[in-house]
Amino acid sequence: MPFRKTHSLEELGEQCVGLHADLLPLVDRAAPLTEYAWKFRYPGEQSLPSPQEAAEAQQTAGAIFAAVLERLPPNLRP
């Protein structure tokens, strides 16, 4: 399925849910991770995430990555 180039994990997740409705709980957890795509890239006065917040975000991202990989045909998996 083609997708638009975007940093919005909510938008990308909605497309995934359209193919696999059981991904909805993970997509809901993914939406807040969108800010990591841009928030710390540019100079400014943003605060860094706490170690716990960063660990939770990494765990969520890993769970989403694994769930999506499971649904890919074997010949498309890394």
C-alpha atoms as a PDB file:
ATOM      1  CA  MET A   1       0.000   0.000   0.000  1.00  0.00           C
ATOM      2  CA  PRO A   2       1.518   3.356  -0.943  1.00  0.00           C
ATOM      3  CA  PHE A   3       1.934   5.909   1.836  1.00  0.00           C
ATOM      4  CA  ARG A   4       2.613   9.621   1.997  1.00  0.00           C
ATOM      5  CA  LYS A   5       5.991  10.800   3.246  1.00  0.00           C
ATOM      6  CA  THR A   6       5.229  12.069   6.739  1.00  0.00           C
ATOM      7  CA  HIS A   7       6.509  12.101  10.305  1.00  0.00           C
ATOM      8  CA  SER A   8       2.970  11.528  11.626  1.00  0.00           C
ATOM      9  CA  LEU A   9       2.892   8.097  13.203  1.00  0.00           C
ATOM     10  CA  GLU A  10      -0.829   8.544  13.725  1.00  0.00           C
ATOM     11  CA  GLU A  11      -1.379   8.950   9.977  1.00  0.00           C
ATOM     12  CA  LEU A  12       0.850   6.004   9.101  1.00  0.00           C
ATOM     13  CA  GLY A  13      -0.712   3.950  11.867  1.00  0.00           C
ATOM     14  CA  GLU A  14      -4.213   4.578  10.556  1.00  0.00           C
ATOM     15  CA  GLN A  15      -3.130   3.094   7.241  1.00  0.00           C
ATOM     16  CA  CYS A  16      -1.716   0.063   9.043  1.00  0.00           C
ATOM     17  CA  VAL A  17      -4.941  -0.389  11.021  1.00  0.00           C
ATOM     18  CA  GLY A  18      -6.825  -0.314   7.724  1.00  0.00           C
ATOM     19  CA  LEU A  19      -4.915  -3.473   6.785  1.00  0.00           C
ATOM     20  CA  HIS A  20      -4.630  -5.059  10.243  1.00  0.00           C
ATOM     21  CA  ALA A  21      -7.232  -3.840  12.738  1.00  0.00           C
ATOM     22  CA  ASP A  22      -5.481  -5.670  15.573  1.00  0.00           C
ATOM     23  CA  LEU A  23      -2.684  -3.058  15.412  1.00  0.00           C
ATOM     24  CA  LEU A  24      -4.987  -0.362  16.848  1.00  0.00           C
ATOM     25  CA  PRO A  25      -3.722  -0.617  20.461  1.00  0.00           C
ATOM     26  CA  LEU A  26      -0.113  -0.219  19.292  1.00  0.00           C
ATOM     27  CA  VAL A  27      -0.989   2.634  16.951  1.00  0.00           C
ATOM     28  CA  ASP A  28      -2.660   4.441  19.839  1.00  0.00           C
ATOM     29  CA  ARG A  29       0.566   4.082  21.832  1.00  0.00           C
ATOM     30  CA  ALA A  30       2.639   5.249  18.844  1.00  0.00           C
ATOM     31  CA  ALA A  31       0.953   8.607  18.214  1.00  0.00           C
ATOM     32  CA  PRO A  32       2.815  10.477  20.994  1.00  0.00           C
ATOM     33  CA  LEU A  33       6.147   9.264  19.581  1.00  0.00           C
ATOM     34  CA  THR A  34       5.693  11.511  16.534  1.00  0.00           C
ATOM     35  CA  GLU A  35       7.270  14.432  18.376  1.00  0.00           C
ATOM     36  CA  TYR A  36      10.576  12.539  18.604  1.00  0.00           C
ATOM     37  CA  ALA A  37      10.866  12.873  14.809  1.00  0.00           C
ATOM     38  CA  TRP A  38      11.321  16.644  15.039  1.00  0.00           C
ATOM     39  CA  LYS A  39      11.375  17.960  18.595  1.00  0.00           C
ATOM     40  CA  PHE A  40      15.057  17.412  19.362  1.00  0.00           C
ATOM     41  CA  ARG A  41      16.371  17.976  15.849  1.00  0.00           C
ATOM     42  CA  TYR A  42      16.313  21.761  15.925  1.00  0.00           C
ATOM     43  CA  PRO A  43      18.022  24.146  18.330  1.00  0.00           C
ATOM     44  CA  GLY A  44      15.874  25.799  20.939  1.00  0.00           C
ATOM     45  CA  GLU A  45      14.766  25.533  24.510  1.00  0.00           C
ATOM     46  CA  GLN A  46      13.022  22.162  24.473  1.00  0.00           C
ATOM     47  CA  SER A  47      13.631  19.902  27.433  1.00  0.00           C
ATOM     48  CA  LEU A  48      15.154  16.479  26.937  1.00  0.00           C
ATOM     49  CA  PRO A  49      13.095  13.423  27.857  1.00  0.00           C
ATOM     50  CA  SER A  50      13.857  11.780  31.173  1.00  0.00           C
ATOM     51  CA  PRO A  51      15.712   8.462  31.019  1.00  0.00           C
ATOM     52  CA  GLN A  52      12.459   6.691  31.961  1.00  0.00           C
ATOM     53  CA  GLU A  53      10.479   8.529  29.255  1.00  0.00           C
ATOM     54  CA  ALA A  54      13.158   7.703  26.671  1.00  0.00           C
ATOM     55  CA  ALA A  55      13.208   4.027  27.706  1.00  0.00           C
ATOM     56  CA  GLU A  56       9.408   3.799  27.484  1.00  0.00           C
ATOM     57  CA  ALA A  57       9.430   5.424  24.050  1.00  0.00           C
ATOM     58  CA  GLN A  58      12.107   3.022  22.868  1.00  0.00           C
ATOM     59  CA  GLN A  59      10.155   0.038  24.207  1.00  0.00           C
ATOM     60  CA  THR A  60       6.981   1.219  22.458  1.00  0.00           C
ATOM     61  CA  ALA A  61       8.820   1.789  19.184  1.00  0.00           C
ATOM     62  CA  GLY A  62      10.366  -1.678  19.404  1.00  0.00           C
ATOM     63  CA  ALA A  63       6.990  -3.313  20.011  1.00  0.00           C
ATOM     64  CA  ILE A  64       5.480  -1.508  17.033  1.00  0.00           C
ATOM     65  CA  PHE A  65       8.416  -2.404  14.801  1.00  0.00           C
ATOM     66  CA  ALA A  66       8.157  -6.082  15.774  1.00  0.00           C
ATOM     67  CA  ALA A  67       4.380  -6.154  15.224  1.00  0.00           C
ATOM     68  CA  VAL A  68       4.682  -4.634  11.768  1.00  0.00           C
ATOM     69  CA  LEU A  69       7.524  -6.988  10.788  1.00  0.00           C
ATOM     70  CA  GLU A  70       5.423  -9.993  11.826  1.00  0.00           C
ATOM     71  CA  ARG A  71       2.780  -8.955   9.327  1.00  0.00           C
ATOM     72  CA  LEU A  72       5.132  -8.511   6.390  1.00  0.00           C
ATOM     73  CA  PRO A  73       5.594 -11.343   3.926  1.00  0.00           C
ATOM     74  CA  PRO A  74       8.813 -13.209   4.748  1.00  0.00           C
ATOM     75  CA  ASN A  75      10.513 -12.055   1.534  1.00  0.00           C
ATOM     76  CA  LEU A  76      10.073  -8.391   2.589  1.00  0.00           C
ATOM     77  CA  ARG A  77      11.489  -8.706   6.106  1.00  0.00           C
ATOM     78  CA  PRO A  78      15.015  -7.474   6.821  1.00  0.00           C
END
